[in-house]
Amino acid sequence: MADPGFPGEFPYTRGIQPTMYRGRLWTMRQYAGFGTAAESNARYRYLLAQGVNGLSVAFDLPTQMGYDSDHALAQGEVGRVGVAIDSIDDMAVLFDGIPLDRVSTSMTINATAAILLSLYIAVARRQGRPIAALAGTIQNDILKEYVARGTYIYPPRASLRLVTDVFAFCERELPQWNTISISGYHIREAGSTAVQEIAFTFAHGIAYVEAAIAAGLDVNALGQRLSFFFNAHNNFLEEIAKFRAARRLWARIMRDRFGATSARAQQLRFHTQTAGSTLTAQQPDTNIVRVAVQAMAAVLGGTQSLHCNGRDEALGLPTEDAARLALRTQQIIAAETGVANTVDPVGGSVVIERMTDDIEAGAEAILARIDGAGGTLAAIEAGLIQREIQDSAYRAQQAIDSGAAIVVGVNKYEDEGDAAGPELFAIDPELERQQAARVSAVRASRDGAMHRAALDAIVAAARGTDNLVPRIVAAVEARATVGEISDALRGVFGEFRDSRVA
């Protein structure tokens, strides 16, 4: 059993701060976004009033895929799984009355990350806020889209260009901004094991660091702006050990593989979300218990930021009541359980330390296999990572179907009869028509010459090597839309088609 060391000391098994939550609690976020910008703005203000200290923005699928709300492929999806953002007009409404230099904002966006970050910057300028004071995170993790989720636009290598352009721009202009949130969450949601979640997430992290170094960025500066996003699943002890193993393994990767000497560049900082894939439509109140257990594992594992899912999210978007209860879950853990009063309360437990060692060793073995296959991009292009996730998902579903893995209310302890479910949150279909009209009005009222020149500058930069982010900022300030900017880049980079999909 490896020596776990001390909190705040390399390799940070026991936490990245010597005092952990005794000095500062984790950031309590609630992931939210739906319908139009005005509706989501009202939810954000509500959550801030309830005690949330960090916003977390969900975008709808058209925004994620680079289509405006009036595009044919957007029909039926506008505002459904997140907020619809087409232009700077929408982004200004989304954050109306919210001073952007005094909140921390996390944006879950990937293929269009550079565009949404540019919109955020442009709105901050409209508010008169110094952009150097902006704090938050943009997910910007495109590689996991190819293996676990599917909201990619461009081929992998062109997508990496956009990621590194964001890195370089933020290093100069947004010193407090986390330029990427490398996501294991979606890998776990797709069916991976805990060990695979860590290994594949770090394989992507390694690829991003390699690309950044190749682009001339300093690993010690870059490493301080990397953040991660993990899943808190059902196996309580395994999840605690997973977070500890991840911290230790990443510290060694940054020091030994990349030569990072800055302690902060070696530290794994991560956000956690409870596992959406574990929520059940049957007996949805049981999800309250699942979420509480998963959240406690994240806290005992030393997360820096946490989101708790609503009990009704297996059925639809969370209601205000469900979102408030999810936030109260975090607040009860922080204020009433006492776990935040002790630094690393599970440190030294024989079972926890042994599981930490085993998870680290398992993840290292997978990383060695990926290196042997030619690295992360080669493994993605060959389908190696995708196949391993799919195999694990199949085995997990077989265990549920056979009853070997118990899911309360689904394959055991079912309720007889049809109990009334909770009241669900509904999106008004009329909102899609309103949003489509809104983006049409933007096109009709802007300066056409300025808008065209801004898009031409993006095309020229994409064909060359200039950083794209300043051009995208100029384009959104000229009121170019998300879809128009995405199309300009499609014209240069092309679109990715997975030839392995049958």
Protein backbone atom coordinates (compact mmCIF):
# COMPACT_ATOMS: atom_id res chain seq x y z
CA MET A 1 0.00 0.00 0.00
CA ALA A 2 1.54 3.32 -1.11
CA ASP A 3 2.18 6.06 1.45
CA PRO A 4 -0.69 8.54 0.95
CA GLY A 5 1.46 11.47 2.10
CA PHE A 6 -0.01 14.70 3.42
CA PRO A 7 -2.80 16.89 2.05
CA GLY A 8 -1.46 19.70 -0.11
CA GLU A 9 1.78 17.87 -0.91
CA PHE A 10 2.84 15.97 -4.04
CA PRO A 11 1.31 13.71 -5.32
CA TYR A 12 -1.82 15.21 -3.69
CA THR A 13 -3.53 11.89 -2.98
CA ARG A 14 -5.20 13.43 0.06
CA GLY A 15 -6.18 16.72 -1.55
CA ILE A 16 -4.62 19.71 -3.27
CA GLN A 17 -4.90 22.04 -0.26
CA PRO A 18 -3.39 21.43 3.20
CA THR A 19 -6.62 22.47 4.91
CA MET A 20 -9.09 21.42 2.17
CA TYR A 21 -12.68 22.36 3.15
CA ARG A 22 -11.62 23.74 6.53
CA GLY A 23 -10.16 26.65 4.55
CA ARG A 24 -12.67 26.85 1.71
CA LEU A 25 -15.71 24.80 0.78
CA TRP A 26 -16.20 23.38 -2.69
CA THR A 27 -18.08 25.59 -5.17
CA MET A 28 -21.77 24.67 -5.25
CA ARG A 29 -23.00 24.79 -8.82
CA GLN A 30 -26.33 23.92 -10.38
CA TYR A 31 -26.26 23.03 -14.05
CA ALA A 32 -29.12 24.87 -15.71
CA GLY A 33 -30.30 26.18 -19.03
CA PHE A 34 -33.47 25.70 -21.06
CA GLY A 35 -35.72 27.45 -23.54
CA THR A 36 -34.75 31.01 -24.28
CA ALA A 37 -32.07 33.19 -22.73
CA ALA A 38 -34.68 35.14 -20.78
CA GLU A 39 -36.10 32.00 -19.15
CA SER A 40 -32.65 30.70 -18.24
CA ASN A 41 -31.65 34.09 -16.85
CA ALA A 42 -34.62 33.90 -14.48
CA ARG A 43 -33.50 30.43 -13.30
CA TYR A 44 -29.93 31.66 -12.74
CA ARG A 45 -31.13 34.56 -10.64
CA TYR A 46 -33.30 32.16 -8.65
CA LEU A 47 -30.38 29.80 -8.01
CA LEU A 48 -28.06 32.65 -6.99
CA ALA A 49 -30.71 33.80 -4.52
CA GLN A 50 -30.88 30.25 -3.11
CA GLY A 51 -27.14 30.17 -2.34
CA VAL A 52 -25.47 28.91 -5.51
CA ASN A 53 -22.02 30.48 -5.82
CA GLY A 54 -21.18 29.36 -9.35
CA LEU A 55 -23.28 29.26 -12.51
CA SER A 56 -23.17 26.25 -14.83
CA VAL A 57 -24.69 26.76 -18.27
CA ALA A 58 -26.33 24.04 -20.36
CA PHE A 59 -26.74 24.79 -24.07
CA ASP A 60 -29.24 23.20 -26.42
CA LEU A 61 -28.14 20.77 -29.14
CA PRO A 62 -28.32 23.25 -32.05
CA THR A 63 -25.98 25.60 -30.16
CA GLN A 64 -23.66 22.70 -29.36
CA MET A 65 -23.60 21.58 -33.00
CA GLY A 66 -23.20 25.02 -34.56
CA TYR A 67 -26.68 25.49 -36.02
CA ASP A 68 -28.86 28.56 -35.60
CA SER A 69 -32.35 28.08 -34.19
CA ASP A 70 -34.00 28.58 -37.58
CA HIS A 71 -31.88 25.90 -39.30
CA ALA A 72 -33.78 22.86 -40.60
CA LEU A 73 -31.66 20.51 -38.47
CA ALA A 74 -32.57 22.47 -35.32
CA GLN A 75 -36.29 21.75 -35.59
CA GLY A 76 -37.68 20.16 -32.44
CA GLU A 77 -34.45 20.67 -30.46
CA VAL A 78 -34.41 24.41 -29.79
CA GLY A 79 -34.18 25.03 -26.04
CA ARG A 80 -34.81 21.37 -25.18
CA VAL A 81 -31.68 20.17 -23.35
CA GLY A 82 -30.27 23.61 -22.67
CA VAL A 83 -30.59 27.27 -23.54
CA ALA A 84 -30.67 28.40 -27.18
CA ILE A 85 -27.92 30.92 -27.95
CA ASP A 86 -27.68 32.27 -31.50
CA SER A 87 -26.00 35.67 -31.13
CA ILE A 88 -24.62 38.29 -28.77
CA ASP A 89 -28.19 39.53 -28.27
CA ASP A 90 -29.11 36.18 -26.67
CA MET A 91 -25.93 36.03 -24.57
CA ALA A 92 -26.58 39.54 -23.24
CA VAL A 93 -30.06 38.51 -22.11
CA LEU A 94 -28.74 35.28 -20.58
CA PHE A 95 -26.51 37.24 -18.20
CA ASP A 96 -28.66 40.34 -17.79
CA GLY A 97 -28.29 41.71 -14.27
CA ILE A 98 -25.46 39.26 -13.45
CA PRO A 99 -22.09 41.04 -13.09
CA LEU A 100 -19.69 38.77 -14.96
CA ASP A 101 -16.62 39.89 -13.03
CA ARG A 102 -18.23 38.75 -9.76
CA VAL A 103 -19.50 35.28 -10.60
CA SER A 104 -17.76 32.10 -11.68
CA THR A 105 -19.37 30.62 -14.78
CA SER A 106 -18.92 27.13 -16.16
CA MET A 107 -20.07 26.55 -19.74
CA THR A 108 -20.62 23.01 -20.96
CA ILE A 109 -19.81 23.50 -24.64
CA ASN A 110 -17.27 21.81 -26.88
CA ALA A 111 -17.36 22.00 -30.68
CA THR A 112 -18.47 25.64 -30.50
CA ALA A 113 -16.53 26.46 -27.32
CA ALA A 114 -14.44 29.20 -28.90
CA ILE A 115 -17.61 30.92 -30.13
CA LEU A 116 -19.45 30.77 -26.79
CA LEU A 117 -16.37 31.99 -24.91
CA SER A 118 -16.15 34.87 -27.39
CA LEU A 119 -19.79 35.71 -26.75
CA TYR A 120 -19.14 35.71 -22.99
CA ILE A 121 -16.18 38.07 -23.48
CA ALA A 122 -18.24 40.35 -25.71
CA VAL A 123 -21.05 40.55 -23.15
CA ALA A 124 -18.56 41.34 -20.39
CA ARG A 125 -17.29 44.22 -22.51
CA ARG A 126 -20.86 45.43 -23.01
CA GLN A 127 -21.29 45.39 -19.24
CA GLY A 128 -18.08 47.41 -18.86
CA ARG A 129 -16.34 44.57 -17.01
CA PRO A 130 -12.58 43.99 -17.40
CA ILE A 131 -12.18 40.68 -19.20
CA ALA A 132 -9.03 39.91 -17.20
CA ALA A 133 -11.32 39.62 -14.16
CA LEU A 134 -13.52 36.93 -15.71
CA ALA A 135 -13.43 33.64 -13.81
CA GLY A 136 -14.85 30.31 -14.83
CA THR A 137 -14.41 27.31 -17.05
CA ILE A 138 -15.25 26.36 -20.60
CA GLN A 139 -15.49 22.62 -21.20
CA ASN A 140 -13.75 22.80 -24.61
CA ASP A 141 -13.06 19.03 -24.50
CA ILE A 142 -13.70 17.90 -28.05
CA LEU A 143 -11.89 14.54 -27.93
CA LYS A 144 -14.44 12.94 -25.61
CA GLU A 145 -17.13 13.86 -28.15
CA TYR A 146 -15.59 11.42 -30.64
CA VAL A 147 -15.59 8.56 -28.14
CA ALA A 148 -18.59 9.10 -25.87
CA ARG A 149 -21.05 11.77 -26.91
CA GLY A 150 -21.10 12.79 -30.58
CA THR A 151 -21.52 16.59 -30.62
CA TYR A 152 -18.46 17.16 -32.79
CA ILE A 153 -18.38 19.24 -35.99
CA TYR A 154 -14.86 19.27 -37.44
CA PRO A 155 -12.26 16.49 -37.82
CA PRO A 156 -10.20 15.80 -34.66
CA ARG A 157 -7.02 17.57 -35.72
CA ALA A 158 -8.84 20.74 -36.80
CA SER A 159 -10.78 20.63 -33.53
CA LEU A 160 -7.50 20.47 -31.59
CA ARG A 161 -6.42 23.65 -33.40
CA LEU A 162 -9.45 25.45 -31.96
CA VAL A 163 -8.72 24.08 -28.48
CA THR A 164 -5.11 25.28 -28.49
CA ASP A 165 -6.14 28.68 -29.89
CA VAL A 166 -8.40 29.07 -26.84
CA PHE A 167 -5.49 28.03 -24.59
CA ALA A 168 -3.17 30.64 -26.10
CA PHE A 169 -5.74 33.46 -26.10
CA CYS A 170 -6.73 32.90 -22.47
CA GLU A 171 -3.12 32.71 -21.34
CA ARG A 172 -2.73 36.30 -22.61
CA GLU A 173 -6.15 37.80 -21.95
CA LEU A 174 -8.09 35.78 -19.32
CA PRO A 175 -5.60 34.80 -16.60
CA GLN A 176 -8.30 33.53 -14.21
CA TRP A 177 -10.14 31.42 -16.78
CA ASN A 178 -9.87 27.62 -16.87
CA THR A 179 -9.39 26.95 -20.57
CA ILE A 180 -10.62 23.36 -20.62
CA SER A 181 -12.59 20.97 -18.44
CA ILE A 182 -11.39 17.54 -19.53
CA SER A 183 -14.41 15.35 -19.06
CA GLY A 184 -14.58 11.86 -17.71
CA TYR A 185 -18.22 12.44 -16.85
CA HIS A 186 -19.54 11.65 -20.31
CA ILE A 187 -17.19 8.70 -20.68
CA ARG A 188 -18.73 7.19 -17.52
CA GLU A 189 -22.24 8.07 -18.67
CA ALA A 190 -21.51 6.18 -21.90
CA GLY A 191 -20.86 3.03 -19.86
CA SER A 192 -17.20 2.95 -18.86
CA THR A 193 -15.86 1.61 -15.59
CA ALA A 194 -14.29 3.85 -12.95
CA VAL A 195 -10.80 2.81 -14.07
CA GLN A 196 -11.61 3.52 -17.73
CA GLU A 197 -13.09 6.89 -16.81
CA ILE A 198 -9.76 7.97 -15.33
CA ALA A 199 -7.60 6.40 -18.04
CA PHE A 200 -9.48 7.71 -21.06
CA THR A 201 -9.90 11.17 -19.51
CA PHE A 202 -6.17 11.37 -18.92
CA ALA A 203 -5.42 10.05 -22.41
CA HIS A 204 -7.35 13.05 -23.72
CA GLY A 205 -5.60 15.33 -21.24
CA ILE A 206 -2.22 14.09 -22.45
CA ALA A 207 -3.20 14.83 -26.05
CA TYR A 208 -4.25 18.39 -25.14
CA VAL A 209 -1.02 19.07 -23.27
CA GLU A 210 1.03 17.65 -26.16
CA ALA A 211 -0.84 19.85 -28.65
CA ALA A 212 -0.36 22.93 -26.47
CA ILE A 213 3.36 22.32 -26.08
CA ALA A 214 3.64 21.82 -29.86
CA ALA A 215 1.91 25.19 -30.26
CA GLY A 216 4.61 26.80 -28.11
CA LEU A 217 2.73 27.13 -24.81
CA ASP A 218 4.50 26.76 -21.48
CA VAL A 219 3.47 23.62 -19.60
CA ASN A 220 3.72 25.31 -16.20
CA ALA A 221 1.39 28.13 -17.25
CA LEU A 222 -0.96 25.84 -19.16
CA GLY A 223 -1.12 23.26 -16.37
CA GLN A 224 -2.47 25.82 -13.92
CA ARG A 225 -5.49 26.46 -16.15
CA LEU A 226 -6.45 22.84 -16.80
CA SER A 227 -9.46 21.47 -14.96
CA PHE A 228 -11.28 18.15 -15.05
CA PHE A 229 -14.88 16.98 -14.81
CA PHE A 230 -15.71 13.63 -13.24
CA ASN A 231 -18.74 11.49 -12.55
CA ALA A 232 -19.82 10.49 -9.04
CA HIS A 233 -21.34 7.04 -9.49
CA ASN A 234 -23.00 4.56 -7.14
CA ASN A 235 -20.13 2.49 -5.71
CA PHE A 236 -19.41 4.74 -2.74
CA LEU A 237 -15.96 3.52 -1.71
CA GLU A 238 -14.76 2.99 -5.27
CA GLU A 239 -15.71 6.55 -6.20
CA ILE A 240 -13.81 8.04 -3.27
CA ALA A 241 -10.76 5.99 -4.21
CA LYS A 242 -11.14 6.97 -7.88
CA PHE A 243 -10.80 10.67 -7.10
CA ARG A 244 -7.74 10.04 -4.93
CA ALA A 245 -6.10 7.86 -7.58
CA ALA A 246 -6.83 10.43 -10.27
CA ARG A 247 -5.15 13.21 -8.32
CA ARG A 248 -2.03 11.12 -7.74
CA LEU A 249 -1.76 9.82 -11.29
CA TRP A 250 -2.22 13.23 -12.94
CA ALA A 251 0.43 14.81 -10.68
CA ARG A 252 2.91 12.19 -11.82
CA ILE A 253 1.96 12.57 -15.47
CA MET A 254 2.51 16.32 -15.35
CA ARG A 255 5.79 16.06 -13.47
CA ASP A 256 7.34 12.98 -15.06
CA ARG A 257 5.93 13.01 -18.58
CA PHE A 258 5.78 16.75 -19.23
CA GLY A 259 8.35 18.14 -16.82
CA ALA A 260 5.99 20.50 -15.02
CA THR A 261 7.76 21.98 -12.00
CA SER A 262 5.01 24.28 -10.73
CA ALA A 263 3.03 22.68 -7.91
CA ARG A 264 -0.18 24.21 -9.22
CA ALA A 265 0.47 22.81 -12.69
CA GLN A 266 0.83 19.35 -11.15
CA GLN A 267 -2.42 19.55 -9.19
CA LEU A 268 -5.63 17.96 -10.44
CA ARG A 269 -8.54 20.36 -9.93
CA PHE A 270 -11.93 18.94 -10.78
CA HIS A 271 -15.67 19.49 -10.86
CA THR A 272 -18.00 16.59 -10.10
CA GLN A 273 -21.56 15.88 -11.13
CA THR A 274 -23.68 13.08 -9.75
CA ALA A 275 -24.41 10.31 -12.23
CA GLY A 276 -27.32 11.00 -14.53
CA SER A 277 -27.19 7.45 -15.89
CA THR A 278 -28.05 6.04 -12.45
CA LEU A 279 -31.28 8.04 -12.10
CA THR A 280 -34.45 6.01 -12.50
CA ALA A 281 -37.81 6.99 -13.96
CA GLN A 282 -39.38 4.41 -11.65
CA GLN A 283 -39.85 5.62 -8.06
CA PRO A 284 -38.06 8.92 -8.82
CA ASP A 285 -37.89 9.92 -5.15
CA THR A 286 -35.28 7.19 -4.68
CA ASN A 287 -33.00 9.38 -6.79
CA ILE A 288 -32.76 11.78 -3.85
CA VAL A 289 -30.89 9.07 -1.95
CA ARG A 290 -28.69 8.15 -4.90
CA VAL A 291 -27.68 11.78 -5.43
CA ALA A 292 -26.89 12.32 -1.74
CA VAL A 293 -24.66 9.23 -1.59
CA GLN A 294 -22.86 10.17 -4.79
CA ALA A 295 -22.38 13.77 -3.62
CA MET A 296 -20.91 12.56 -0.34
CA ALA A 297 -18.43 10.41 -2.27
CA ALA A 298 -17.35 13.45 -4.28
CA VAL A 299 -16.83 15.50 -1.12
CA LEU A 300 -14.89 12.74 0.64
CA GLY A 301 -12.88 12.39 -2.56
CA GLY A 302 -11.88 16.07 -2.45
CA THR A 303 -13.76 17.73 -5.30
CA GLN A 304 -13.36 21.47 -5.92
CA SER A 305 -16.83 21.96 -7.36
CA LEU A 306 -20.06 19.95 -7.31
CA HIS A 307 -23.41 19.72 -9.06
CA CYS A 308 -26.21 17.49 -7.77
CA ASN A 309 -28.80 16.20 -10.24
CA GLY A 310 -32.50 16.71 -9.65
CA ARG A 311 -34.64 13.76 -8.65
CA ASP A 312 -36.80 14.17 -11.78
CA GLU A 313 -34.06 14.31 -14.43
CA ALA A 314 -34.73 10.78 -15.67
CA LEU A 315 -38.09 12.15 -16.77
CA GLY A 316 -37.29 15.66 -17.99
CA LEU A 317 -35.60 18.95 -17.14
CA PRO A 318 -35.53 19.60 -13.37
CA THR A 319 -38.26 21.72 -11.86
CA GLU A 320 -37.35 24.60 -9.56
CA ASP A 321 -38.29 22.46 -6.55
CA ALA A 322 -36.03 19.63 -7.71
CA ALA A 323 -33.15 22.03 -8.39
CA ARG A 324 -33.55 23.59 -4.94
CA LEU A 325 -33.58 20.18 -3.24
CA ALA A 326 -30.43 19.19 -5.15
CA LEU A 327 -28.70 22.36 -3.92
CA ARG A 328 -29.93 21.77 -0.37
CA THR A 329 -28.32 18.32 -0.54
CA GLN A 330 -24.92 19.97 -0.95
CA GLN A 331 -25.66 22.51 1.74
CA ILE A 332 -26.65 19.79 4.24
CA ILE A 333 -23.46 17.86 3.51
CA ALA A 334 -21.42 21.03 4.06
CA ALA A 335 -23.22 22.36 7.15
CA GLU A 336 -24.66 19.39 9.02
CA THR A 337 -22.60 16.24 8.47
CA GLY A 338 -19.23 17.38 9.83
CA VAL A 339 -17.28 15.84 6.95
CA ALA A 340 -15.89 19.23 5.92
CA ASN A 341 -14.33 19.71 9.36
CA THR A 342 -11.63 17.08 8.83
CA VAL A 343 -9.07 17.07 6.04
CA ASP A 344 -9.35 13.79 4.10
CA PRO A 345 -11.49 11.89 6.65
CA VAL A 346 -10.96 8.55 4.86
CA GLY A 347 -7.18 8.82 4.60
CA GLY A 348 -5.42 5.74 5.96
CA SER A 349 -8.40 3.44 5.60
CA VAL A 350 -7.00 0.09 4.48
CA VAL A 351 -9.77 -0.51 1.94
CA ILE A 352 -9.67 3.04 0.55
CA GLU A 353 -5.89 3.08 0.19
CA ARG A 354 -5.85 -0.37 -1.45
CA MET A 355 -8.60 0.62 -3.89
CA THR A 356 -6.73 3.84 -4.67
CA ASP A 357 -3.61 1.84 -5.56
CA ASP A 358 -5.58 -0.62 -7.69
CA ILE A 359 -7.43 2.08 -9.65
CA GLU A 360 -4.21 3.95 -10.33
CA ALA A 361 -2.48 0.78 -11.54
CA GLY A 362 -5.43 -0.13 -13.76
CA ALA A 363 -5.53 3.32 -15.34
CA GLU A 364 -1.77 3.27 -15.95
CA ALA A 365 -2.09 -0.07 -17.76
CA ILE A 366 -4.75 1.35 -20.10
CA LEU A 367 -2.66 4.46 -20.78
CA ALA A 368 0.29 2.23 -21.68
CA ARG A 369 -1.93 0.35 -24.13
CA ILE A 370 -3.04 3.64 -25.74
CA ASP A 371 0.58 4.77 -26.04
CA GLY A 372 1.37 1.43 -27.67
CA ALA A 373 -1.42 2.02 -30.20
CA GLY A 374 0.22 5.28 -31.31
CA GLY A 375 -1.31 7.74 -28.86
CA THR A 376 -4.74 9.16 -28.17
CA LEU A 377 -5.66 10.45 -31.62
CA ALA A 378 -4.61 7.19 -33.27
CA ALA A 379 -6.59 5.21 -30.66
CA ILE A 380 -9.69 7.34 -31.32
CA GLU A 381 -9.34 7.08 -35.08
CA ALA A 382 -8.95 3.29 -34.81
CA GLY A 383 -11.97 3.03 -32.50
CA LEU A 384 -9.98 1.43 -29.66
CA ILE A 385 -11.34 3.66 -26.90
CA GLN A 386 -14.89 3.57 -28.25
CA ARG A 387 -14.92 -0.25 -28.35
CA GLU A 388 -13.71 -0.57 -24.78
CA ILE A 389 -16.43 1.78 -23.52
CA GLN A 390 -19.10 -0.03 -25.54
CA ASP A 391 -17.98 -3.42 -24.18
CA SER A 392 -18.14 -2.18 -20.60
CA ALA A 393 -21.59 -0.66 -21.16
CA TYR A 394 -22.84 -3.96 -22.60
CA ARG A 395 -21.55 -5.92 -19.62
CA ALA A 396 -23.13 -3.47 -17.18
CA GLN A 397 -26.51 -3.72 -18.91
CA GLN A 398 -26.30 -7.52 -18.94
CA ALA A 399 -25.74 -7.47 -15.17
CA ILE A 400 -28.86 -5.33 -14.67
CA ASP A 401 -30.95 -7.46 -17.03
CA SER A 402 -29.92 -10.66 -15.26
CA GLY A 403 -30.46 -9.21 -11.80
CA ALA A 404 -26.79 -9.65 -10.86
CA ALA A 405 -26.65 -5.86 -10.38
CA ILE A 406 -29.60 -4.58 -8.37
CA VAL A 407 -31.27 -1.28 -9.28
CA VAL A 408 -33.86 -0.49 -6.65
CA GLY A 409 -37.28 0.08 -8.17
CA VAL A 410 -36.21 -1.29 -11.56
CA ASN A 411 -35.25 -4.94 -11.18
CA LYS A 412 -35.95 -5.33 -7.46
CA TYR A 413 -38.31 -3.75 -4.92
CA GLU A 414 -40.60 -2.55 -7.68
CA ASP A 415 -43.85 -0.83 -6.76
CA GLU A 416 -47.03 -2.58 -7.82
CA GLY A 417 -49.34 -0.44 -9.90
CA ASP A 418 -48.61 2.93 -11.44
CA ALA A 419 -47.83 5.48 -8.76
CA ALA A 420 -48.28 9.11 -9.74
CA GLY A 421 -44.98 10.65 -10.77
CA PRO A 422 -43.73 14.14 -9.95
CA GLU A 423 -44.92 17.21 -11.80
CA LEU A 424 -42.59 17.66 -14.77
CA PHE A 425 -41.00 20.77 -16.21
CA ALA A 426 -42.25 21.45 -19.74
CA ILE A 427 -40.86 23.61 -22.55
CA ASP A 428 -43.45 25.65 -24.45
CA PRO A 429 -43.20 24.67 -28.16
CA GLU A 430 -43.93 28.29 -29.05
CA LEU A 431 -40.48 29.23 -27.77
CA GLU A 432 -38.83 27.63 -30.80
CA ARG A 433 -40.78 29.86 -33.17
CA GLN A 434 -39.94 32.92 -31.06
CA GLN A 435 -36.24 32.06 -31.02
CA ALA A 436 -36.18 31.52 -34.78
CA ALA A 437 -37.81 34.92 -35.26
CA ARG A 438 -35.27 36.46 -32.91
CA VAL A 439 -32.27 35.25 -34.92
CA SER A 440 -33.92 36.43 -38.14
CA ALA A 441 -34.31 39.88 -36.60
CA VAL A 442 -30.59 39.96 -35.75
CA ARG A 443 -29.68 39.26 -39.37
CA ALA A 444 -32.05 41.98 -40.60
CA SER A 445 -30.82 44.71 -38.23
CA ARG A 446 -27.02 44.37 -38.21
CA ASP A 447 -24.38 46.12 -40.31
CA GLY A 448 -24.04 43.73 -43.26
CA ALA A 449 -20.62 44.91 -44.41
CA MET A 450 -19.10 44.69 -40.92
CA HIS A 451 -20.59 41.22 -40.41
CA ARG A 452 -19.28 39.94 -43.78
CA ALA A 453 -15.80 41.34 -43.18
CA ALA A 454 -15.67 39.67 -39.77
CA LEU A 455 -16.57 36.28 -41.24
CA ASP A 456 -14.00 36.71 -44.01
CA ALA A 457 -11.34 37.37 -41.35
CA ILE A 458 -12.25 34.07 -39.65
CA VAL A 459 -11.90 32.18 -42.93
CA ALA A 460 -8.50 33.76 -43.61
CA ALA A 461 -7.25 32.91 -40.11
CA ALA A 462 -8.54 29.33 -40.38
CA ARG A 463 -6.63 28.86 -43.64
CA GLY A 464 -3.49 30.17 -42.00
CA THR A 465 -2.02 29.94 -38.50
CA ASP A 466 -3.28 33.09 -36.78
CA ASN A 467 -5.21 32.61 -33.54
CA LEU A 468 -8.91 32.34 -34.33
CA VAL A 469 -10.30 33.62 -31.04
CA PRO A 470 -9.75 37.39 -31.58
CA ARG A 471 -11.41 37.04 -34.99
CA ILE A 472 -14.36 35.21 -33.48
CA VAL A 473 -14.74 37.86 -30.78
CA ALA A 474 -14.82 40.53 -33.49
CA ALA A 475 -17.41 38.51 -35.42
CA VAL A 476 -19.80 38.09 -32.50
CA GLU A 477 -19.47 41.79 -31.73
CA ALA A 478 -20.48 42.37 -35.38
CA ARG A 479 -23.53 40.20 -34.51
CA ALA A 480 -22.54 37.21 -36.58
CA THR A 481 -24.45 34.16 -35.36
CA VAL A 482 -23.17 30.89 -33.90
CA GLY A 483 -24.32 29.07 -37.04
CA GLU A 484 -22.66 31.53 -39.42
CA ILE A 485 -19.31 31.35 -37.63
CA SER A 486 -19.53 27.55 -37.49
CA ASP A 487 -20.31 27.45 -41.21
CA ALA A 488 -17.32 29.67 -41.98
CA LEU A 489 -15.10 27.16 -40.20
CA ARG A 490 -16.88 24.21 -41.84
CA GLY A 491 -15.93 25.71 -45.19
CA VAL A 492 -12.23 25.46 -44.27
CA PHE A 493 -12.02 22.46 -41.95
CA GLY A 494 -14.81 20.28 -43.33
CA GLU A 495 -17.03 18.07 -41.15
CA PHE A 496 -16.16 14.83 -39.40
CA ARG A 497 -17.99 11.67 -40.44
CA ASP A 498 -17.32 8.55 -38.40
CA SER A 499 -16.72 5.90 -41.05
CA ARG A 500 -16.84 3.13 -38.43
CA VAL A 501 -20.55 3.71 -37.67
CA ALA A 502 -22.60 1.03 -39.39
